[in-house]
Amino acid sequence: MTKSLARRNGADFRMPSDEELDSIAAYVLSIGRAEDFDLKKLKLHSGSARRGQKLYTDTGMLGEPGHKNCNSCHFNGGGTGA
C-alpha cells in the first residue's frame, strides 16, 4: 500500500522483492477458473451486460471500426497453468 498518492519510490512505497513478485504471480495464477465457460453461449439478462458481452467477444477484423475482441488477450489463464 502506498503512503500517499505522490508515488515517490523509497518515500511513499517500496518496490517489491523478486520473492514477493513471485508470490504475487503464484497467487494471481491460483485464483483463475479451472475451465473457461463459453462466453458466447452464456445467457445474460441485463441489456448492458449483453452489449458488453458482444463487445468482449467481437471477432471482427483488427482495425475495423468498432472492433473490440477483448477476449483475444483477456482470456482466463488461471487454474490450469495456462
N, C-alpha and C. Protein backbone atom coordinates (compact mmCIF):
# COMPACT_ATOMS: atom_id res chain seq x y z
N MET A 1 0.85 -1.19 0.00
CA MET A 1 0.00 0.00 0.00
C MET A 1 0.88 1.24 0.00
N THR A 2 0.48 2.20 -0.78
CA THR A 2 1.23 3.44 -0.79
C THR A 2 0.87 4.27 0.42
N LYS A 3 1.79 5.10 0.86
CA LYS A 3 1.55 6.00 1.98
C LYS A 3 0.87 7.27 1.52
N SER A 4 1.04 7.63 0.26
CA SER A 4 0.36 8.79 -0.32
C SER A 4 0.25 8.57 -1.82
N LEU A 5 -0.38 9.48 -2.51
CA LEU A 5 -0.52 9.36 -3.96
C LEU A 5 0.65 9.98 -4.72
N ALA A 6 1.65 10.48 -4.01
CA ALA A 6 2.81 11.10 -4.66
C ALA A 6 3.64 10.07 -5.43
N ARG A 7 3.61 8.81 -4.98
CA ARG A 7 4.29 7.70 -5.66
C ARG A 7 5.80 7.90 -5.80
N ARG A 8 6.45 8.36 -4.74
CA ARG A 8 7.91 8.51 -4.74
C ARG A 8 8.53 7.24 -4.17
N ASN A 9 9.32 6.54 -4.98
CA ASN A 9 9.95 5.31 -4.56
C ASN A 9 10.84 5.57 -3.35
N GLY A 10 10.71 4.75 -2.34
CA GLY A 10 11.50 4.89 -1.12
C GLY A 10 10.86 5.79 -0.08
N ALA A 11 9.96 6.67 -0.50
CA ALA A 11 9.28 7.57 0.45
C ALA A 11 7.83 7.17 0.64
N ASP A 12 7.11 6.94 -0.46
CA ASP A 12 5.70 6.61 -0.39
C ASP A 12 5.43 5.11 -0.55
N PHE A 13 6.37 4.40 -1.12
CA PHE A 13 6.26 2.96 -1.31
C PHE A 13 7.66 2.41 -1.54
N ARG A 14 7.74 1.09 -1.55
CA ARG A 14 8.99 0.44 -1.94
C ARG A 14 8.67 -0.57 -3.01
N MET A 15 9.63 -0.83 -3.86
CA MET A 15 9.46 -1.83 -4.91
C MET A 15 9.48 -3.22 -4.27
N PRO A 16 8.66 -4.15 -4.76
CA PRO A 16 8.66 -5.50 -4.19
C PRO A 16 9.93 -6.26 -4.57
N SER A 17 10.30 -7.18 -3.71
CA SER A 17 11.46 -8.04 -3.99
C SER A 17 11.06 -9.07 -5.05
N ASP A 18 12.05 -9.75 -5.62
CA ASP A 18 11.77 -10.81 -6.58
C ASP A 18 10.92 -11.91 -5.94
N GLU A 19 11.20 -12.23 -4.70
CA GLU A 19 10.43 -13.26 -3.98
C GLU A 19 8.97 -12.81 -3.82
N GLU A 20 8.76 -11.54 -3.49
CA GLU A 20 7.39 -11.03 -3.36
C GLU A 20 6.67 -11.04 -4.70
N LEU A 21 7.36 -10.67 -5.77
CA LEU A 21 6.76 -10.70 -7.11
C LEU A 21 6.37 -12.13 -7.50
N ASP A 22 7.23 -13.09 -7.19
CA ASP A 22 6.93 -14.49 -7.47
C ASP A 22 5.70 -14.95 -6.68
N SER A 23 5.61 -14.53 -5.43
CA SER A 23 4.46 -14.89 -4.59
C SER A 23 3.17 -14.29 -5.13
N ILE A 24 3.23 -13.05 -5.56
CA ILE A 24 2.05 -12.39 -6.14
C ILE A 24 1.62 -13.11 -7.41
N ALA A 25 2.57 -13.44 -8.27
CA ALA A 25 2.25 -14.14 -9.52
C ALA A 25 1.62 -15.50 -9.22
N ALA A 26 2.16 -16.24 -8.27
CA ALA A 26 1.60 -17.55 -7.91
C ALA A 26 0.18 -17.41 -7.40
N TYR A 27 -0.07 -16.39 -6.59
CA TYR A 27 -1.42 -16.16 -6.06
C TYR A 27 -2.40 -15.84 -7.19
N VAL A 28 -2.03 -14.90 -8.06
CA VAL A 28 -2.92 -14.49 -9.14
C VAL A 28 -3.24 -15.67 -10.04
N LEU A 29 -2.25 -16.49 -10.36
CA LEU A 29 -2.48 -17.65 -11.20
C LEU A 29 -3.35 -18.70 -10.52
N SER A 30 -3.36 -18.72 -9.19
CA SER A 30 -4.13 -19.73 -8.46
C SER A 30 -5.61 -19.40 -8.37
N ILE A 31 -6.02 -18.16 -8.67
CA ILE A 31 -7.42 -17.79 -8.46
C ILE A 31 -8.26 -17.83 -9.73
N GLY A 32 -7.69 -18.24 -10.84
CA GLY A 32 -8.46 -18.34 -12.08
C GLY A 32 -9.39 -19.55 -12.05
N ARG A 33 -10.29 -19.60 -13.01
CA ARG A 33 -11.18 -20.75 -13.13
C ARG A 33 -10.39 -21.94 -13.65
N ALA A 34 -10.77 -23.14 -13.25
CA ALA A 34 -10.11 -24.34 -13.75
C ALA A 34 -10.46 -24.57 -15.22
N GLU A 35 -11.66 -24.14 -15.62
CA GLU A 35 -12.09 -24.27 -17.01
C GLU A 35 -12.80 -23.00 -17.43
N ASP A 36 -12.61 -22.60 -18.66
CA ASP A 36 -13.36 -21.48 -19.20
C ASP A 36 -14.75 -21.93 -19.59
N PHE A 37 -15.71 -21.05 -19.45
CA PHE A 37 -17.04 -21.31 -19.97
C PHE A 37 -17.13 -20.67 -21.35
N ASP A 38 -18.12 -21.05 -22.13
CA ASP A 38 -18.30 -20.49 -23.46
C ASP A 38 -19.04 -19.17 -23.32
N LEU A 39 -18.31 -18.07 -23.36
CA LEU A 39 -18.89 -16.75 -23.14
C LEU A 39 -19.96 -16.41 -24.15
N LYS A 40 -19.83 -16.92 -25.38
CA LYS A 40 -20.85 -16.64 -26.40
C LYS A 40 -22.17 -17.32 -26.09
N LYS A 41 -22.14 -18.43 -25.35
CA LYS A 41 -23.37 -19.16 -25.00
C LYS A 41 -23.96 -18.73 -23.67
N LEU A 42 -23.23 -17.96 -22.89
CA LEU A 42 -23.68 -17.51 -21.58
C LEU A 42 -24.89 -16.61 -21.75
N LYS A 43 -25.99 -16.91 -21.07
CA LYS A 43 -27.22 -16.13 -21.16
C LYS A 43 -27.20 -15.03 -20.10
N LEU A 44 -27.12 -13.80 -20.55
CA LEU A 44 -27.13 -12.65 -19.65
C LEU A 44 -28.49 -11.98 -19.71
N HIS A 45 -28.95 -11.43 -18.59
CA HIS A 45 -30.29 -10.86 -18.52
C HIS A 45 -30.29 -9.35 -18.70
N SER A 46 -29.25 -8.68 -18.32
CA SER A 46 -29.18 -7.23 -18.41
C SER A 46 -28.77 -6.81 -19.82
N GLY A 47 -29.45 -5.78 -20.34
CA GLY A 47 -29.11 -5.27 -21.67
C GLY A 47 -27.69 -4.76 -21.74
N SER A 48 -27.24 -4.07 -20.69
CA SER A 48 -25.87 -3.55 -20.71
C SER A 48 -24.86 -4.70 -20.63
N ALA A 49 -25.19 -5.75 -19.91
CA ALA A 49 -24.29 -6.91 -19.83
C ALA A 49 -24.22 -7.59 -21.20
N ARG A 50 -25.34 -7.71 -21.90
CA ARG A 50 -25.33 -8.33 -23.23
C ARG A 50 -24.53 -7.48 -24.22
N ARG A 51 -24.62 -6.15 -24.13
CA ARG A 51 -23.83 -5.28 -25.00
C ARG A 51 -22.34 -5.46 -24.70
N GLY A 52 -21.99 -5.54 -23.43
CA GLY A 52 -20.60 -5.77 -23.05
C GLY A 52 -20.10 -7.12 -23.54
N GLN A 53 -20.96 -8.13 -23.44
CA GLN A 53 -20.61 -9.47 -23.93
C GLN A 53 -20.33 -9.43 -25.43
N LYS A 54 -21.16 -8.71 -26.17
CA LYS A 54 -20.98 -8.61 -27.61
C LYS A 54 -19.65 -7.93 -27.95
N LEU A 55 -19.34 -6.84 -27.26
CA LEU A 55 -18.07 -6.14 -27.49
C LEU A 55 -16.89 -7.02 -27.12
N TYR A 56 -17.00 -7.70 -25.99
CA TYR A 56 -15.90 -8.53 -25.48
C TYR A 56 -15.56 -9.67 -26.43
N THR A 57 -16.59 -10.25 -27.04
CA THR A 57 -16.36 -11.43 -27.89
C THR A 57 -16.30 -11.10 -29.37
N ASP A 58 -16.39 -9.84 -29.75
CA ASP A 58 -16.33 -9.43 -31.15
C ASP A 58 -15.08 -10.04 -31.79
N THR A 59 -15.24 -10.66 -32.91
CA THR A 59 -14.09 -11.26 -33.61
C THR A 59 -13.88 -10.65 -34.99
N GLY A 60 -14.37 -9.43 -35.19
CA GLY A 60 -14.21 -8.75 -36.47
C GLY A 60 -12.74 -8.51 -36.78
N MET A 61 -12.48 -7.97 -37.92
CA MET A 61 -11.12 -7.73 -38.38
C MET A 61 -10.44 -6.66 -37.52
N LEU A 62 -9.19 -6.88 -37.16
CA LEU A 62 -8.43 -5.88 -36.42
C LEU A 62 -8.41 -4.59 -37.22
N GLY A 63 -8.59 -3.48 -36.55
CA GLY A 63 -8.56 -2.19 -37.20
C GLY A 63 -9.91 -1.76 -37.75
N GLU A 64 -10.87 -2.68 -37.81
CA GLU A 64 -12.21 -2.34 -38.30
C GLU A 64 -12.88 -1.43 -37.27
N PRO A 65 -13.62 -0.41 -37.69
CA PRO A 65 -14.29 0.49 -36.74
C PRO A 65 -15.18 -0.30 -35.78
N GLY A 66 -15.06 -0.02 -34.52
CA GLY A 66 -15.87 -0.70 -33.51
C GLY A 66 -15.34 -2.05 -33.08
N HIS A 67 -14.25 -2.50 -33.69
CA HIS A 67 -13.68 -3.81 -33.33
C HIS A 67 -13.16 -3.76 -31.90
N LYS A 68 -13.53 -4.72 -31.09
CA LYS A 68 -13.06 -4.77 -29.71
C LYS A 68 -12.29 -6.07 -29.45
N ASN A 69 -12.94 -7.22 -29.53
CA ASN A 69 -12.32 -8.54 -29.34
C ASN A 69 -11.43 -8.59 -28.10
N CYS A 70 -11.94 -8.12 -26.98
CA CYS A 70 -11.18 -8.11 -25.72
C CYS A 70 -10.69 -9.52 -25.36
N ASN A 71 -11.56 -10.53 -25.63
CA ASN A 71 -11.25 -11.89 -25.24
C ASN A 71 -10.01 -12.45 -25.92
N SER A 72 -9.56 -11.84 -27.02
CA SER A 72 -8.37 -12.35 -27.70
C SER A 72 -7.14 -12.22 -26.81
N CYS A 73 -7.13 -11.25 -25.92
CA CYS A 73 -6.00 -11.08 -24.99
C CYS A 73 -6.40 -11.38 -23.55
N HIS A 74 -7.60 -11.01 -23.17
CA HIS A 74 -8.05 -11.10 -21.77
C HIS A 74 -8.83 -12.36 -21.50
N PHE A 75 -8.30 -13.50 -21.91
CA PHE A 75 -8.93 -14.78 -21.64
C PHE A 75 -8.48 -15.26 -20.27
N ASN A 76 -9.19 -16.22 -19.74
CA ASN A 76 -8.83 -16.79 -18.44
C ASN A 76 -7.64 -17.72 -18.62
N GLY A 77 -6.57 -17.46 -17.84
CA GLY A 77 -5.40 -18.32 -17.93
C GLY A 77 -5.09 -19.00 -16.61
N GLY A 78 -5.85 -18.70 -15.58
CA GLY A 78 -5.55 -19.23 -14.25
C GLY A 78 -6.08 -20.63 -14.04
N GLY A 79 -5.59 -21.26 -13.02
CA GLY A 79 -6.10 -22.55 -12.58
C GLY A 79 -5.53 -23.74 -13.34
N THR A 80 -5.21 -23.59 -14.60
CA THR A 80 -4.76 -24.74 -15.39
C THR A 80 -3.27 -24.65 -15.68
N GLY A 81 -2.65 -23.59 -15.26
CA GLY A 81 -1.24 -23.39 -15.56
C GLY A 81 -1.03 -22.77 -16.92
N ALA A 82 -2.13 -22.45 -17.61
CA ALA A 82 -2.02 -21.86 -18.95
C ALA A 82 -1.67 -20.40 -18.87
